[in-house]
Structure formats: structure tokens, C-alpha cells
Amino acid sequence: MYPFMTLNDDTEITNSEMKPDGRVKVYIETPDEKDGFHNAVCWLPQYQWEKVTGYSEAEMTYFKKLIREQAQFILQKVR
């Protein structure tokens, strides 16, 4: 996994290399004092979300919008 972006709340967004099937894994992880970490996985270019742990609906709405806005940069980076 390669660093892509760090948000002000220490959320780290990383991405994998492009897989043979053309997909790229985007991993989001936020430290949390109570739970340890919250995390989520998004597969591009399908925007398929999985393994979402600890994030609220509002947080996921934000991350889904952010990844859609940044997907072209992530995909360009791994080509």
C-alpha cells in the first residue's frame, strides 16, 4: 500500500498497485482512542465498499464523496 493522503484528523488514505483485473484497493484508516482504528476499503474503479468498521453514515458519506473526487488521481498514479 502506498500513501495517498493524510487528513487533518490523522486519517490515512492509501492505495494499492493496480491488480491484474484492473482494480485498485483504497484503504482508509482513522485512529480512535476508544476503538483503536476505524477503517474502510473501496475498490476502484467500481467504487465497491467493504470492510467498513467504526465510521458513521455521515463519515462514510464524506469518504465516498472524497474518493469519487480523487479517484482519477489515484488511478493515474498507479498506471
N, C-alpha and C. Protein backbone atom coordinates (compact mmCIF):
# COMPACT_ATOMS: atom_id res chain seq x y z
N MET A 1 0.85 -1.17 0.00
CA MET A 1 0.00 0.00 0.00
C MET A 1 0.90 1.24 0.00
N TYR A 2 0.44 2.23 -0.76
CA TYR A 2 1.20 3.46 -0.92
C TYR A 2 0.42 4.64 -0.35
N PRO A 3 1.09 5.56 0.35
CA PRO A 3 0.39 6.73 0.89
C PRO A 3 -0.21 7.57 -0.23
N PHE A 4 -1.42 8.03 0.00
CA PHE A 4 -2.06 8.94 -0.95
C PHE A 4 -2.37 10.28 -0.30
N MET A 5 -2.98 10.24 0.90
CA MET A 5 -3.43 11.49 1.51
C MET A 5 -3.55 11.30 3.02
N THR A 6 -3.21 12.34 3.78
CA THR A 6 -3.45 12.37 5.22
C THR A 6 -4.35 13.56 5.50
N LEU A 7 -5.47 13.30 6.20
CA LEU A 7 -6.42 14.36 6.53
C LEU A 7 -6.06 15.00 7.87
N ASN A 8 -6.68 16.11 8.17
CA ASN A 8 -6.38 16.86 9.40
C ASN A 8 -6.63 16.07 10.68
N ASP A 9 -7.52 15.08 10.64
CA ASP A 9 -7.81 14.27 11.83
C ASP A 9 -6.92 13.01 11.90
N ASP A 10 -5.84 13.00 11.14
CA ASP A 10 -4.89 11.89 11.06
C ASP A 10 -5.42 10.67 10.31
N THR A 11 -6.52 10.83 9.59
CA THR A 11 -6.99 9.75 8.72
C THR A 11 -5.97 9.57 7.60
N GLU A 12 -5.58 8.32 7.40
CA GLU A 12 -4.64 7.98 6.34
C GLU A 12 -5.39 7.30 5.21
N ILE A 13 -5.14 7.74 3.99
CA ILE A 13 -5.72 7.10 2.81
C ILE A 13 -4.56 6.56 1.99
N THR A 14 -4.59 5.26 1.74
CA THR A 14 -3.53 4.62 0.97
C THR A 14 -4.16 3.87 -0.19
N ASN A 15 -3.31 3.49 -1.15
CA ASN A 15 -3.82 2.73 -2.29
C ASN A 15 -2.83 1.64 -2.67
N SER A 16 -3.35 0.60 -3.29
CA SER A 16 -2.51 -0.49 -3.78
C SER A 16 -2.04 -0.18 -5.19
N GLU A 17 -1.21 -1.07 -5.71
CA GLU A 17 -0.90 -1.04 -7.14
C GLU A 17 -2.14 -1.54 -7.87
N MET A 18 -2.17 -1.34 -9.17
CA MET A 18 -3.29 -1.86 -9.96
C MET A 18 -3.17 -3.38 -10.02
N LYS A 19 -4.25 -4.05 -9.67
CA LYS A 19 -4.30 -5.51 -9.72
C LYS A 19 -4.42 -5.97 -11.17
N PRO A 20 -4.12 -7.24 -11.45
CA PRO A 20 -4.23 -7.74 -12.83
C PRO A 20 -5.62 -7.56 -13.45
N ASP A 21 -6.65 -7.52 -12.59
CA ASP A 21 -8.01 -7.33 -13.10
C ASP A 21 -8.37 -5.85 -13.29
N GLY A 22 -7.40 -4.95 -13.08
CA GLY A 22 -7.62 -3.51 -13.28
C GLY A 22 -8.15 -2.78 -12.07
N ARG A 23 -8.33 -3.48 -10.96
CA ARG A 23 -8.85 -2.82 -9.77
C ARG A 23 -7.72 -2.27 -8.91
N VAL A 24 -8.06 -1.24 -8.13
CA VAL A 24 -7.13 -0.63 -7.18
C VAL A 24 -7.83 -0.57 -5.83
N LYS A 25 -7.15 -1.06 -4.81
CA LYS A 25 -7.69 -1.04 -3.44
C LYS A 25 -7.32 0.29 -2.78
N VAL A 26 -8.32 0.97 -2.24
CA VAL A 26 -8.10 2.19 -1.47
C VAL A 26 -8.49 1.88 -0.03
N TYR A 27 -7.57 2.14 0.89
CA TYR A 27 -7.77 1.82 2.30
C TYR A 27 -7.79 3.11 3.09
N ILE A 28 -8.81 3.27 3.93
CA ILE A 28 -8.96 4.45 4.77
C ILE A 28 -8.88 4.00 6.22
N GLU A 29 -8.07 4.69 7.02
CA GLU A 29 -7.89 4.31 8.43
C GLU A 29 -7.76 5.56 9.28
N THR A 30 -8.56 5.61 10.34
CA THR A 30 -8.55 6.74 11.27
C THR A 30 -8.29 6.23 12.67
N PRO A 31 -7.26 6.77 13.37
CA PRO A 31 -7.04 6.35 14.75
C PRO A 31 -8.20 6.80 15.64
N ASP A 32 -8.54 5.97 16.61
CA ASP A 32 -9.63 6.27 17.53
C ASP A 32 -9.21 5.83 18.92
N GLU A 33 -9.28 6.73 19.89
CA GLU A 33 -8.84 6.40 21.25
C GLU A 33 -9.63 5.25 21.86
N LYS A 34 -10.91 5.16 21.58
CA LYS A 34 -11.77 4.13 22.17
C LYS A 34 -11.62 2.79 21.44
N ASP A 35 -11.69 2.80 20.12
CA ASP A 35 -11.74 1.56 19.34
C ASP A 35 -10.40 1.13 18.74
N GLY A 36 -9.41 1.98 18.81
CA GLY A 36 -8.13 1.70 18.16
C GLY A 36 -8.08 2.35 16.79
N PHE A 37 -8.80 1.76 15.82
CA PHE A 37 -8.86 2.33 14.48
C PHE A 37 -10.23 2.11 13.87
N HIS A 38 -10.67 3.05 13.07
CA HIS A 38 -11.82 2.88 12.19
C HIS A 38 -11.23 2.70 10.80
N ASN A 39 -11.88 1.89 9.97
CA ASN A 39 -11.32 1.67 8.64
C ASN A 39 -12.39 1.29 7.64
N ALA A 40 -12.01 1.42 6.36
CA ALA A 40 -12.89 1.06 5.26
C ALA A 40 -12.04 0.79 4.03
N VAL A 41 -12.57 -0.05 3.14
CA VAL A 41 -11.90 -0.38 1.89
C VAL A 41 -12.83 -0.01 0.74
N CYS A 42 -12.27 0.61 -0.29
CA CYS A 42 -13.01 0.90 -1.52
C CYS A 42 -12.19 0.38 -2.69
N TRP A 43 -12.85 -0.37 -3.57
CA TRP A 43 -12.20 -0.86 -4.79
C TRP A 43 -12.59 0.03 -5.96
N LEU A 44 -11.56 0.57 -6.61
CA LEU A 44 -11.78 1.38 -7.81
C LEU A 44 -11.49 0.53 -9.02
N PRO A 45 -12.05 0.77 -10.17
CA PRO A 45 -12.94 1.89 -10.49
C PRO A 45 -14.41 1.63 -10.21
N GLN A 46 -14.75 0.51 -9.57
CA GLN A 46 -16.16 0.17 -9.33
C GLN A 46 -16.78 0.92 -8.14
N TYR A 47 -15.96 1.55 -7.30
CA TYR A 47 -16.44 2.19 -6.07
C TYR A 47 -17.18 1.18 -5.21
N GLN A 48 -16.62 0.00 -5.08
CA GLN A 48 -17.20 -1.08 -4.27
C GLN A 48 -16.62 -0.97 -2.86
N TRP A 49 -17.50 -0.70 -1.89
CA TRP A 49 -17.07 -0.52 -0.50
C TRP A 49 -17.24 -1.82 0.27
N GLU A 50 -16.28 -2.09 1.16
CA GLU A 50 -16.36 -3.28 2.01
C GLU A 50 -15.56 -3.04 3.29
N LYS A 51 -15.76 -3.92 4.24
CA LYS A 51 -14.99 -3.90 5.49
C LYS A 51 -15.01 -2.54 6.17
N VAL A 52 -16.20 -1.94 6.24
CA VAL A 52 -16.35 -0.64 6.89
C VAL A 52 -16.55 -0.89 8.38
N THR A 53 -15.65 -0.36 9.20
CA THR A 53 -15.70 -0.58 10.64
C THR A 53 -15.53 0.73 11.38
N GLY A 54 -16.53 1.09 12.19
CA GLY A 54 -16.41 2.21 13.11
C GLY A 54 -16.85 3.57 12.58
N TYR A 55 -17.03 3.72 11.28
CA TYR A 55 -17.42 5.02 10.74
C TYR A 55 -18.94 5.19 10.76
N SER A 56 -19.38 6.42 11.03
CA SER A 56 -20.80 6.74 11.00
C SER A 56 -21.25 6.90 9.54
N GLU A 57 -22.56 6.97 9.35
CA GLU A 57 -23.10 7.20 7.99
C GLU A 57 -22.60 8.54 7.43
N ALA A 58 -22.54 9.56 8.28
CA ALA A 58 -22.07 10.87 7.84
C ALA A 58 -20.60 10.81 7.42
N GLU A 59 -19.80 10.11 8.19
CA GLU A 59 -18.38 9.96 7.82
C GLU A 59 -18.24 9.21 6.49
N MET A 60 -19.03 8.17 6.31
CA MET A 60 -18.95 7.40 5.07
C MET A 60 -19.43 8.22 3.87
N THR A 61 -20.43 9.05 4.08
CA THR A 61 -20.88 9.95 3.01
C THR A 61 -19.73 10.86 2.59
N TYR A 62 -19.00 11.38 3.57
CA TYR A 62 -17.85 12.24 3.29
C TYR A 62 -16.77 11.46 2.53
N PHE A 63 -16.42 10.26 3.01
CA PHE A 63 -15.36 9.48 2.36
C PHE A 63 -15.76 9.05 0.95
N LYS A 64 -17.01 8.69 0.76
CA LYS A 64 -17.46 8.29 -0.58
C LYS A 64 -17.33 9.45 -1.56
N LYS A 65 -17.69 10.64 -1.11
CA LYS A 65 -17.56 11.83 -1.97
C LYS A 65 -16.08 12.13 -2.23
N LEU A 66 -15.26 12.06 -1.19
CA LEU A 66 -13.84 12.35 -1.32
C LEU A 66 -13.17 11.38 -2.30
N ILE A 67 -13.46 10.10 -2.19
CA ILE A 67 -12.83 9.12 -3.07
C ILE A 67 -13.31 9.31 -4.51
N ARG A 68 -14.58 9.62 -4.70
CA ARG A 68 -15.07 9.90 -6.07
C ARG A 68 -14.33 11.10 -6.67
N GLU A 69 -14.09 12.12 -5.86
CA GLU A 69 -13.39 13.32 -6.34
C GLU A 69 -11.91 13.04 -6.63
N GLN A 70 -11.32 12.12 -5.91
CA GLN A 70 -9.88 11.85 -6.03
C GLN A 70 -9.55 10.61 -6.86
N ALA A 71 -10.55 9.86 -7.27
CA ALA A 71 -10.31 8.59 -7.97
C ALA A 71 -9.45 8.74 -9.20
N GLN A 72 -9.67 9.78 -9.98
CA GLN A 72 -8.87 9.95 -11.21
C GLN A 72 -7.39 10.11 -10.88
N PHE A 73 -7.07 10.79 -9.78
CA PHE A 73 -5.67 10.97 -9.38
C PHE A 73 -5.06 9.66 -8.89
N ILE A 74 -5.84 8.89 -8.14
CA ILE A 74 -5.36 7.59 -7.65
C ILE A 74 -5.10 6.67 -8.83
N LEU A 75 -6.04 6.62 -9.76
CA LEU A 75 -5.89 5.71 -10.90
C LEU A 75 -4.74 6.14 -11.82
N GLN A 76 -4.55 7.43 -11.98
CA GLN A 76 -3.42 7.92 -12.79
C GLN A 76 -2.10 7.55 -12.13
N LYS A 77 -2.06 7.63 -10.83
CA LYS A 77 -0.85 7.36 -10.06
C LYS A 77 -0.36 5.92 -10.24
N VAL A 78 -1.29 4.99 -10.38
CA VAL A 78 -0.92 3.57 -10.43
C VAL A 78 -0.75 3.03 -11.86
N ARG A 79 -1.05 3.82 -12.85
CA ARG A 79 -0.92 3.35 -14.24
C ARG A 79 0.52 3.36 -14.67
